[in-house]
């Protein structure tokens, strides 16, 4: 029967090789070593002088991926004719891409594969550090881990830090999560009597040590709050709301917090409009705090917690983007929006468009609320054919409003007519893809800027604003426009 036995050479000396692997090494028809750059290789060659090493492939190919593909192809080809043993550094089940490829290809060729348990670098390093390897430990590969994989509450063991360049790459990722002073232990030849154990910090880790293939990094957990961990805010909120927490935070509920959420959202908008990205970062944090605040209160009341919030939005984003997470299709932005609305209606059990319109939050600012109503109705087919039709509607509503004022109709009637007029203006803006809320806000700011200049000009000439006639006020207004226009030109320069 075609057969491949895969074993580990031990983490350093041959003393770390298991007895079963040792016996298999002696009995195998053919023996292959991934590399002889290992402390036990000399002893293994004494036992099997006929062994074949793949070190030449590391010189021949520029990328490890190509090396491992070639090794796996050679092993499979040989296994077609012989019972073979393939030995790797440490353990065959830790960071051994060539083993993964051999197992995949062997299945395709109906070749039996047996992987022997081995002493791994994990056993060796935890023996050297005299720590419990089963107590909240996270193993990371220096070549593939991401910053999001880091966890300050776990013991981290980072393998394959085999040169200073890789150490520098790891350092940059660690600095995205830890402070520069975070303690880190560099361990070389773990499990051996001559093991090197050097404590340093993240900032210095790539400067003080000569790394090789026997080097790993070890970071102990901490009870301190990691300010860059996305989970820390939940712990902070629990502390603020818990026994011995802040009296103000403990006194809040969903109703009392509503105004703060609205205020924080408006401050985000202000930061965006001002293109102040430092402020935007801070204000987004304030909004996030409100989300965690509400989620924590809901957790205390046993309705839901922040994980339910995460699950809900993750599920929503995936189900409402089937063209990305389902049947891969390229949709235009407007098609995505239409699909989103259709999926949303089905999720909420809305039987008709009216129910969809009723679901629009009535607490929205009036212009935005009108825009959302018109947009949803338009997507259902209830819309003007062209903007000229809305111009005609605007003229009609303008005449009706003026008539209601001139005829001194009751206030309710005039309120209704000016509402119709504003609704038509929002409709024109929507049709022309102009944000009416933003447009009015810009104009209001423009008015404020010009008014400030008018006031300064009037006061400098000794005039009280209340005493200005319309003609004089208009002169100041035109002068203010010119001053601000020149100021804008200068700023652009």
Protein backbone atom coordinates (compact mmCIF):
# COMPACT_ATOMS: atom_id res chain seq x y z
CA UNK A 1 0.00 0.00 0.00
CA UNK A 2 1.24 3.48 -0.85
CA UNK A 3 2.13 5.21 2.40
CA UNK A 4 3.70 8.43 3.71
CA UNK A 5 4.69 8.88 7.36
CA UNK A 6 5.25 12.47 8.46
CA UNK A 7 7.07 13.21 11.69
CA UNK A 8 8.82 15.96 13.60
CA UNK A 9 12.56 16.31 14.12
CA UNK A 10 11.99 17.89 17.51
CA UNK A 11 12.35 21.56 18.31
CA UNK A 12 16.12 21.54 18.75
CA UNK A 13 18.11 18.39 19.57
CA UNK A 14 17.21 14.85 18.63
CA UNK A 15 16.30 14.30 22.29
CA UNK A 16 12.97 15.96 21.49
CA UNK A 17 12.07 13.39 18.85
CA UNK A 18 9.41 10.92 20.05
CA UNK A 19 10.22 7.24 20.33
CA UNK A 20 7.58 6.37 17.70
CA UNK A 21 9.12 8.82 15.24
CA UNK A 22 12.59 7.45 16.00
CA UNK A 23 11.48 3.86 15.22
CA UNK A 24 9.70 4.97 12.02
CA UNK A 25 12.87 6.78 10.93
CA UNK A 26 14.90 3.58 11.22
CA UNK A 27 12.27 1.44 9.46
CA UNK A 28 11.35 3.72 6.53
CA UNK A 29 12.33 2.69 3.00
CA UNK A 30 13.10 6.31 2.02
CA UNK A 31 13.69 9.32 4.32
CA UNK A 32 13.32 12.99 3.36
CA UNK A 33 14.10 16.10 5.40
CA UNK A 34 12.53 19.43 4.63
CA UNK A 35 15.76 21.07 5.76
CA UNK A 36 19.03 20.14 7.42
CA UNK A 37 19.27 23.59 8.98
CA UNK A 38 18.26 22.11 12.30
CA UNK A 39 20.20 20.98 15.36
CA UNK A 40 19.01 17.37 15.20
CA UNK A 41 19.82 16.95 11.47
CA UNK A 42 23.41 15.80 12.05
CA UNK A 43 22.29 13.03 14.44
CA UNK A 44 19.49 12.01 12.08
CA UNK A 45 21.92 11.72 9.15
CA UNK A 46 24.12 9.45 11.26
CA UNK A 47 21.12 7.16 11.67
CA UNK A 48 20.07 7.42 8.00
CA UNK A 49 23.03 8.39 5.79
CA UNK A 50 20.78 7.81 2.75
CA UNK A 51 18.31 10.57 3.61
CA UNK A 52 17.52 13.30 1.08
CA UNK A 53 17.23 16.98 2.05
CA UNK A 54 15.28 19.66 0.16
CA UNK A 55 17.58 22.56 1.09
CA UNK A 56 18.55 23.03 -2.57
CA UNK A 57 14.98 24.09 -3.37
CA UNK A 58 15.32 27.06 -1.01
CA UNK A 59 18.20 28.29 -3.14
CA UNK A 60 16.50 27.53 -6.44
CA UNK A 61 13.13 29.25 -5.84
CA UNK A 62 12.50 32.85 -4.79
CA UNK A 63 9.24 32.23 -2.92
CA UNK A 64 8.46 29.76 -0.13
CA UNK A 65 5.16 28.91 -1.83
CA UNK A 66 7.10 27.55 -4.81
CA UNK A 67 9.48 25.63 -2.52
CA UNK A 68 6.61 23.90 -0.71
CA UNK A 69 4.84 23.06 -3.97
CA UNK A 70 8.02 21.45 -5.29
CA UNK A 71 8.65 19.53 -2.06
CA UNK A 72 5.10 18.17 -2.01
CA UNK A 73 5.32 17.12 -5.66
CA UNK A 74 8.60 15.26 -4.99
CA UNK A 75 7.16 13.49 -1.95
CA UNK A 76 4.00 12.40 -3.79
CA UNK A 77 6.00 11.16 -6.80
CA UNK A 78 8.29 9.08 -4.58
CA UNK A 79 5.38 7.71 -2.54
CA UNK A 80 3.96 6.20 -5.74
CA UNK A 81 6.85 3.70 -5.60
CA UNK A 82 8.15 3.60 -2.02
CA UNK A 83 7.04 3.71 1.60
CA UNK A 84 8.58 6.97 2.75
CA UNK A 85 9.11 9.16 5.78
CA UNK A 86 9.12 12.94 5.65
CA UNK A 87 10.60 14.85 8.58
CA UNK A 88 10.03 18.52 9.36
CA UNK A 89 11.34 20.86 12.04
CA UNK A 90 9.48 20.73 15.32
CA UNK A 91 5.98 19.34 14.80
CA UNK A 92 4.26 18.49 11.52
CA UNK A 93 1.06 20.25 12.59
CA UNK A 94 2.50 23.69 13.38
CA UNK A 95 3.21 26.14 10.53
CA UNK A 96 4.10 23.44 8.00
CA UNK A 97 2.67 24.40 4.62
CA UNK A 98 4.46 21.56 2.85
CA UNK A 99 2.61 19.06 5.06
CA UNK A 100 -0.75 20.63 4.18
CA UNK A 101 0.03 20.31 0.48
CA UNK A 102 1.21 16.69 0.83
CA UNK A 103 -2.00 15.71 2.62
CA UNK A 104 -4.15 17.38 -0.08
CA UNK A 105 -2.28 15.80 -2.98
CA UNK A 106 -2.08 12.38 -1.31
CA UNK A 107 -5.88 12.24 -1.03
CA UNK A 108 -6.17 12.89 -4.75
CA UNK A 109 -3.74 10.04 -5.45
CA UNK A 110 -5.26 7.65 -2.87
CA UNK A 111 -2.02 7.60 -0.90
CA UNK A 112 -2.21 6.93 2.84
CA UNK A 113 -0.72 9.61 5.14
CA UNK A 114 0.11 9.16 8.82
CA UNK A 115 1.18 12.18 10.86
CA UNK A 116 3.00 11.27 14.06
CA UNK A 117 2.57 13.38 17.18
CA UNK A 118 5.70 15.39 17.92
CA UNK A 119 7.22 17.71 20.48
CA UNK A 120 6.38 21.15 19.11
CA UNK A 121 7.91 24.57 19.61
CA UNK A 122 4.86 25.31 21.78
CA UNK A 123 5.79 22.54 24.27
CA UNK A 124 9.43 23.64 24.25
CA UNK A 125 8.76 27.35 24.79
CA UNK A 126 6.18 26.87 27.52
CA UNK A 127 8.58 24.47 29.26
CA UNK A 128 11.29 27.14 29.12
CA UNK A 129 8.90 29.85 30.35
CA UNK A 130 7.42 27.46 32.95
CA UNK A 131 3.89 28.51 31.99
CA UNK A 132 0.64 26.61 31.52
CA UNK A 133 0.10 26.16 27.77
CA UNK A 134 -3.62 25.42 28.24
CA UNK A 135 -4.47 28.71 29.95
CA UNK A 136 -5.88 31.20 27.43
CA UNK A 137 -3.10 30.92 24.85
CA UNK A 138 -3.19 32.22 21.29
CA UNK A 139 -0.77 30.97 18.65
CA UNK A 140 0.06 33.32 15.78
CA UNK A 141 2.16 32.96 12.64
CA UNK A 142 4.48 35.94 12.15
CA UNK A 143 4.02 35.68 8.37
CA UNK A 144 0.23 35.80 8.29
CA UNK A 145 -1.32 37.25 11.47
CA UNK A 146 -3.19 40.56 11.44
CA UNK A 147 -3.50 43.25 14.10
CA UNK A 148 -7.13 42.21 14.71
CA UNK A 149 -5.82 38.79 15.86
CA UNK A 150 -4.04 40.32 18.87
CA UNK A 151 -5.57 39.98 22.32
CA UNK A 152 -4.14 41.65 25.44
CA UNK A 153 -6.05 39.21 27.67
CA UNK A 154 -4.31 36.14 26.19
CA UNK A 155 -0.79 34.78 26.25
CA UNK A 156 0.51 35.26 22.71
CA UNK A 157 3.08 33.01 21.08
CA UNK A 158 4.25 34.25 17.69
CA UNK A 159 6.23 31.74 15.61
CA UNK A 160 8.35 31.96 12.46
CA UNK A 161 10.15 35.17 13.45
CA UNK A 162 13.19 33.88 11.60
CA UNK A 163 15.02 37.11 10.74
CA UNK A 164 15.20 40.80 11.63
CA UNK A 165 13.08 41.83 8.66
CA UNK A 166 10.18 39.64 9.85
CA UNK A 167 10.73 40.97 13.39
CA UNK A 168 10.33 44.51 12.05
CA UNK A 169 7.11 43.58 10.24
CA UNK A 170 5.77 42.00 13.44
CA UNK A 171 6.79 45.08 15.42
CA UNK A 172 4.75 47.38 13.16
CA UNK A 173 1.65 45.24 13.64
CA UNK A 174 2.18 45.10 17.41
CA UNK A 175 2.53 48.89 17.55
CA UNK A 176 -0.94 49.21 16.02
CA UNK A 177 -2.30 47.50 19.14
CA UNK A 178 0.20 47.79 22.01
CA UNK A 179 2.23 50.72 23.35
CA UNK A 180 5.91 50.93 22.45
CA UNK A 181 6.79 49.91 26.03
CA UNK A 182 4.77 46.67 25.97
CA UNK A 183 7.05 43.88 27.34
CA UNK A 184 7.87 41.13 24.89
CA UNK A 185 10.06 38.06 25.34
CA UNK A 186 12.32 36.76 22.56
CA UNK A 187 12.99 33.03 22.89
CA UNK A 188 15.57 31.10 20.92
CA UNK A 189 16.02 27.30 21.11
CA UNK A 190 13.17 26.87 23.56
CA UNK A 191 13.22 23.66 25.58
CA UNK A 192 17.00 23.37 25.49
CA UNK A 193 19.36 23.95 28.41
CA UNK A 194 21.05 26.69 26.37
CA UNK A 195 17.79 28.40 25.45
CA UNK A 196 18.11 32.17 25.11
CA UNK A 197 15.38 34.18 26.84
CA UNK A 198 15.58 37.96 26.34
CA UNK A 199 12.99 40.39 27.74
CA UNK A 200 12.65 43.69 25.91
CA UNK A 201 9.80 45.89 24.63
CA UNK A 202 8.02 46.22 21.30
CA UNK A 203 9.97 49.36 20.35
CA UNK A 204 13.37 47.65 20.74
CA UNK A 205 12.53 44.07 19.72
CA UNK A 206 13.98 44.29 16.19
CA UNK A 207 17.19 46.04 17.27
CA UNK A 208 18.78 43.93 20.00
CA UNK A 209 18.65 40.32 18.81
CA UNK A 210 19.92 38.10 16.01
CA UNK A 211 16.88 36.16 14.86
CA UNK A 212 16.92 32.75 13.17
CA UNK A 213 14.54 29.86 12.39
CA UNK A 214 14.54 28.81 16.08
CA UNK A 215 13.18 32.15 17.35
CA UNK A 216 9.69 32.96 18.64
CA UNK A 217 8.05 35.83 20.53
CA UNK A 218 6.15 35.49 23.79
CA UNK A 219 3.78 38.16 25.20
CA UNK A 220 2.10 37.75 28.57
CA UNK A 221 -1.52 38.82 29.16
CA UNK A 222 -2.33 41.92 31.17
CA UNK A 223 -5.28 43.04 33.26
CA UNK A 224 -4.75 46.64 32.14
CA UNK A 225 -7.26 48.08 29.67
CA UNK A 226 -5.85 48.19 26.15
CA UNK A 227 -7.03 51.50 24.74
CA UNK A 228 -6.74 50.28 21.13
CA UNK A 229 -8.78 47.11 21.63
CA UNK A 230 -12.31 47.36 20.24
CA UNK A 231 -13.56 45.21 23.15
CA UNK A 232 -12.29 47.54 25.87
CA UNK A 233 -15.20 49.98 25.66
CA UNK A 234 -17.61 47.22 26.71
CA UNK A 235 -15.48 46.56 29.82
CA UNK A 236 -15.32 50.30 30.61
CA UNK A 237 -19.11 50.63 30.34
CA UNK A 238 -19.63 47.65 32.64
CA UNK A 239 -17.32 49.26 35.20
CA UNK A 240 -19.10 52.63 34.97
CA UNK A 241 -22.55 51.03 35.34
CA UNK A 242 -21.55 48.38 37.90
CA UNK A 243 -21.29 48.41 41.68
CA UNK A 244 -18.98 51.22 42.74
CA UNK A 245 -19.25 52.83 39.30
CA UNK A 246 -20.09 56.40 38.33
CA UNK A 247 -23.33 57.70 39.88
CA UNK A 248 -24.22 59.73 36.78
CA UNK A 249 -23.70 56.81 34.40
CA UNK A 250 -25.66 54.48 36.70
CA UNK A 251 -28.58 56.93 36.75
CA UNK A 252 -29.06 56.99 32.95
CA UNK A 253 -31.61 55.07 30.89
CA UNK A 254 -32.58 54.88 27.21
CA UNK A 255 -34.86 57.90 27.48
CA UNK A 256 -32.34 60.17 29.24
CA UNK A 257 -29.63 59.29 26.71
CA UNK A 258 -31.65 60.07 23.56
CA UNK A 259 -30.61 63.72 23.38
CA UNK A 260 -26.91 62.85 23.72
CA UNK A 261 -27.01 60.45 20.79
CA UNK A 262 -28.61 63.13 18.60
CA UNK A 263 -26.12 65.78 19.74
CA UNK A 264 -23.14 63.52 19.10
CA UNK A 265 -24.39 62.69 15.59
CA UNK A 266 -24.69 66.38 14.77
CA UNK A 267 -21.16 66.97 16.07
CA UNK A 268 -19.95 64.26 13.68
CA UNK A 269 -21.64 66.13 10.82
CA UNK A 270 -19.99 69.40 11.91
CA UNK A 271 -16.57 67.73 11.92
CA UNK A 272 -17.17 66.31 8.43
CA UNK A 273 -18.31 69.69 7.11
CA UNK A 274 -15.24 71.36 8.63
CA UNK A 275 -12.99 68.59 7.24
CA UNK A 276 -11.51 68.36 10.74
CA UNK A 277 -10.42 64.72 10.84
CA UNK A 278 -9.00 64.89 14.33
CA UNK A 279 -12.40 66.10 15.56
CA UNK A 280 -14.16 63.51 13.38
CA UNK A 281 -12.18 60.72 15.05
CA UNK A 282 -13.13 62.02 18.49
CA UNK A 283 -16.81 62.56 17.62
CA UNK A 284 -17.17 59.09 16.09
CA UNK A 285 -15.85 57.77 19.41
CA UNK A 286 -18.55 59.74 21.23
CA UNK A 287 -21.23 58.19 18.99
CA UNK A 288 -19.74 54.74 19.61
CA UNK A 289 -19.91 55.39 23.35
CA UNK A 290 -23.63 56.05 23.08
CA UNK A 291 -24.12 52.75 21.23
CA UNK A 292 -22.24 50.81 23.91
CA UNK A 293 -24.09 52.76 26.63
CA UNK A 294 -27.51 51.72 25.28
CA UNK A 295 -26.33 48.14 24.67
CA UNK A 296 -25.04 47.89 28.25
CA UNK A 297 -28.35 49.10 29.69
CA UNK A 298 -30.18 46.58 27.48
CA UNK A 299 -27.84 43.83 28.75
CA UNK A 300 -28.65 44.75 32.36
CA UNK A 301 -32.37 44.56 31.54
CA UNK A 302 -31.78 41.22 29.76
CA UNK A 303 -33.07 42.39 26.38
CA UNK A 304 -29.85 42.14 24.32
CA UNK A 305 -26.14 42.96 24.58
CA UNK A 306 -23.44 44.44 22.34
CA UNK A 307 -22.79 41.06 20.72
CA UNK A 308 -26.40 40.99 19.56
CA UNK A 309 -25.88 44.46 18.10
CA UNK A 310 -22.78 43.22 16.25
CA UNK A 311 -24.61 40.11 15.05
CA UNK A 312 -27.59 42.12 13.84
CA UNK A 313 -25.64 44.62 11.78
CA UNK A 314 -23.27 41.96 10.39
CA UNK A 315 -26.21 39.83 9.31
CA UNK A 316 -28.01 42.83 7.83
CA UNK A 317 -25.00 43.95 5.78
CA UNK A 318 -24.52 40.45 4.39
CA UNK A 319 -28.17 39.70 3.60
CA UNK A 320 -28.69 43.12 2.01
CA UNK A 321 -25.62 42.72 -0.20
CA UNK A 322 -26.31 39.34 -1.84
CA UNK A 323 -24.40 40.53 -4.90
CA UNK A 324 -21.25 40.51 -2.71
CA UNK A 325 -21.84 37.71 -0.19
CA UNK A 326 -24.07 35.54 -2.35
CA UNK A 327 -24.35 35.37 -6.12
CA UNK A 328 -21.42 37.60 -7.09
CA UNK A 329 -22.74 40.31 -9.41
CA UNK A 330 -21.61 43.81 -10.32
CA UNK A 331 -24.44 46.28 -9.61
CA UNK A 332 -24.54 50.01 -10.14
CA UNK A 333 -25.05 52.21 -7.06
CA UNK A 334 -28.73 52.87 -7.85
CA UNK A 335 -29.37 49.15 -8.43
CA UNK A 336 -27.81 48.41 -5.03
CA UNK A 337 -30.14 50.93 -3.41
CA UNK A 338 -33.21 49.43 -5.09
CA UNK A 339 -32.18 45.91 -4.04
CA UNK A 340 -31.56 47.14 -0.48
CA UNK A 341 -35.09 48.58 -0.24
CA UNK A 342 -36.68 45.44 -1.65
CA UNK A 343 -34.80 43.16 0.78
CA UNK A 344 -35.62 45.54 3.65
CA UNK A 345 -39.35 45.40 2.88
CA UNK A 346 -39.28 41.59 2.87
CA UNK A 347 -37.32 41.45 6.15
CA UNK A 348 -39.79 43.76 7.89
CA UNK A 349 -42.84 42.03 6.42
CA UNK A 350 -44.04 45.19 4.66
CA UNK A 351 -46.82 44.24 2.24
CA UNK A 352 -46.96 47.52 0.34
CA UNK A 353 -45.13 50.80 -0.28
CA UNK A 354 -47.31 52.72 2.20
CA UNK A 355 -46.04 50.54 5.03
CA UNK A 356 -42.50 51.26 3.89
CA UNK A 357 -43.20 55.00 3.95
CA UNK A 358 -44.80 54.74 7.41
CA UNK A 359 -41.58 53.11 8.68
CA UNK A 360 -39.49 56.21 7.91
CA UNK A 361 -38.55 57.80 11.28
CA UNK A 362 -40.75 60.83 11.82
CA UNK A 363 -38.13 62.38 14.11
CA UNK A 364 -35.93 63.08 11.08
CA UNK A 365 -35.34 66.75 10.17
CA UNK A 366 -38.26 67.90 8.00
CA UNK A 367 -36.29 68.35 4.75
CA UNK A 368 -34.64 64.95 5.13
CA UNK A 369 -37.98 63.31 6.01
CA UNK A 370 -39.60 64.80 2.89
CA UNK A 371 -36.68 63.64 0.75
CA UNK A 372 -36.92 60.07 2.09
CA UNK A 373 -40.69 59.98 1.44
CA UNK A 374 -40.26 61.19 -2.12
CA UNK A 375 -37.34 58.87 -2.80
CA UNK A 376 -39.14 55.72 -1.62
CA UNK A 377 -42.33 56.67 -3.48
CA UNK A 378 -40.29 57.43 -6.60
CA UNK A 379 -38.56 54.04 -6.47
CA UNK A 380 -42.03 52.46 -6.36
CA UNK A 381 -42.89 54.27 -9.62
CA UNK A 382 -44.78 57.22 -8.18
CA UNK A 383 -42.70 60.10 -9.52
CA UNK A 384 -42.50 62.90 -12.07
CA UNK A 385 -41.16 62.09 -15.52
CA UNK A 386 -38.87 65.10 -15.69
CA UNK A 387 -37.75 68.06 -13.57
CA UNK A 388 -39.72 70.49 -15.77
CA UNK A 389 -42.94 68.97 -14.41
CA UNK A 390 -41.78 69.79 -10.88
CA UNK A 391 -40.94 73.37 -11.97
CA UNK A 392 -44.56 73.73 -13.03
CA UNK A 393 -45.68 72.28 -9.71
CA UNK A 394 -43.38 74.74 -7.88
CA UNK A 395 -44.93 77.70 -9.74
CA UNK A 396 -48.40 76.42 -8.89
CA UNK A 397 -47.57 76.04 -5.20
CA UNK A 398 -45.87 79.46 -5.11
CA UNK A 399 -48.98 81.13 -6.54
CA UNK A 400 -51.23 79.31 -4.08
CA UNK A 401 -49.05 80.35 -1.14
CA UNK A 402 -48.94 84.02 -2.23
CA UNK A 403 -52.69 83.97 -2.78
CA UNK A 404 -53.30 82.57 0.71
CA UNK A 405 -51.20 85.37 2.21
CA UNK A 406 -52.77 88.13 0.12
CA UNK A 407 -56.26 86.92 0.95
CA UNK A 408 -55.29 86.80 4.61
CA UNK A 409 -56.42 83.23 4.98
CA UNK A 410 -56.15 81.61 8.41
CA UNK A 411 -52.70 80.56 9.65
CA UNK A 412 -53.39 76.83 9.28
CA UNK A 413 -54.11 77.36 5.57
CA UNK A 414 -50.99 79.46 5.03
CA UNK A 415 -48.92 76.87 6.93
CA UNK A 416 -50.26 74.16 4.65
CA UNK A 417 -49.45 76.16 1.50
CA UNK A 418 -45.89 76.98 2.54
CA UNK A 419 -45.44 73.30 3.42
CA UNK A 420 -46.53 72.40 -0.13
CA UNK A 421 -44.05 74.95 -1.48
CA UNK A 422 -41.17 73.54 0.58
CA UNK A 423 -42.13 69.99 -0.41
CA UNK A 424 -41.89 70.96 -4.10
CA UNK A 425 -38.47 72.53 -3.56
CA UNK A 426 -37.24 69.34 -1.86
CA UNK A 427 -38.62 67.37 -4.81
CA UNK A 428 -36.64 69.49 -7.29
CA UNK A 429 -33.47 69.04 -5.24
CA UNK A 430 -34.01 65.27 -5.05
CA UNK A 431 -34.62 65.02 -8.80
CA UNK A 432 -31.39 66.95 -9.45
CA UNK A 433 -29.54 64.77 -6.88
CA UNK A 434 -28.97 67.74 -4.57
CA UNK A 435 -29.15 67.21 -0.81
CA UNK A 436 -31.76 69.80 0.23
CA UNK A 437 -30.76 69.57 3.91
CA UNK A 438 -27.14 70.24 3.05
CA UNK A 439 -28.04 72.97 0.52
CA UNK A 440 -30.11 74.90 3.06
CA UNK A 441 -27.44 74.50 5.71
CA UNK A 442 -24.79 75.87 3.32
CA UNK A 443 -26.98 78.84 2.46
CA UNK A 444 -27.66 79.50 6.13
CA UNK A 445 -23.92 79.48 6.82
CA UNK A 446 -23.37 81.79 3.84
CA UNK A 447 -25.97 84.17 5.27
CA UNK A 448 -24.27 84.08 8.67
CA UNK A 449 -20.86 84.88 7.14
CA UNK A 450 -22.25 87.81 5.12
CA UNK A 451 -24.31 89.14 8.02
CA UNK A 452 -21.21 89.18 10.23
CA UNK A 453 -19.36 91.31 7.65
CA UNK A 454 -22.37 93.62 7.22
CA UNK A 455 -22.50 94.15 10.98
CA UNK A 456 -18.78 94.91 11.15
CA UNK A 457 -19.04 97.39 8.25
CA UNK A 458 -22.06 99.14 9.75
CA UNK A 459 -20.51 99.43 13.20
CA UNK A 460 -17.21 100.72 11.76
CA UNK A 461 -19.24 103.49 10.02
CA UNK A 462 -21.05 104.29 13.26
CA UNK A 463 -24.42 102.77 12.28
CA UNK A 464 -26.69 100.69 14.48
CA UNK A 465 -28.11 97.77 12.50
CA UNK A 466 -31.62 98.60 13.66
CA UNK A 467 -31.28 102.12 12.22
CA UNK A 468 -30.30 100.96 8.70
CA UNK A 469 -32.83 101.51 5.93
CA UNK A 470 -33.22 98.85 3.26
CA UNK A 471 -31.17 100.76 0.70
CA UNK A 472 -28.20 101.16 3.05
CA UNK A 473 -28.45 97.55 4.23
CA UNK A 474 -28.40 96.35 0.62
CA UNK A 475 -25.24 98.37 -0.09
CA UNK A 476 -23.50 96.77 2.87
CA UNK A 477 -24.75 93.35 1.77
CA UNK A 478 -23.26 93.70 -1.72
CA UNK A 479 -19.99 94.99 -0.23
CA UNK A 480 -19.88 91.99 2.13
CA UNK A 481 -20.33 89.62 -0.82
CA UNK A 482 -17.33 91.16 -2.60
CA UNK A 483 -15.17 91.04 0.54
CA UNK A 484 -15.93 87.36 1.14
CA UNK A 485 -15.41 86.52 -2.54
CA UNK A 486 -11.94 88.08 -2.47
CA UNK A 487 -11.16 86.28 0.77
CA UNK A 488 -12.10 82.95 -0.83
CA UNK A 489 -9.82 83.64 -3.82
CA UNK A 490 -6.91 84.42 -1.49
CA UNK A 491 -7.47 81.22 0.51
CA UNK A 492 -7.46 79.15 -2.68
CA UNK A 493 -4.08 80.63 -3.61
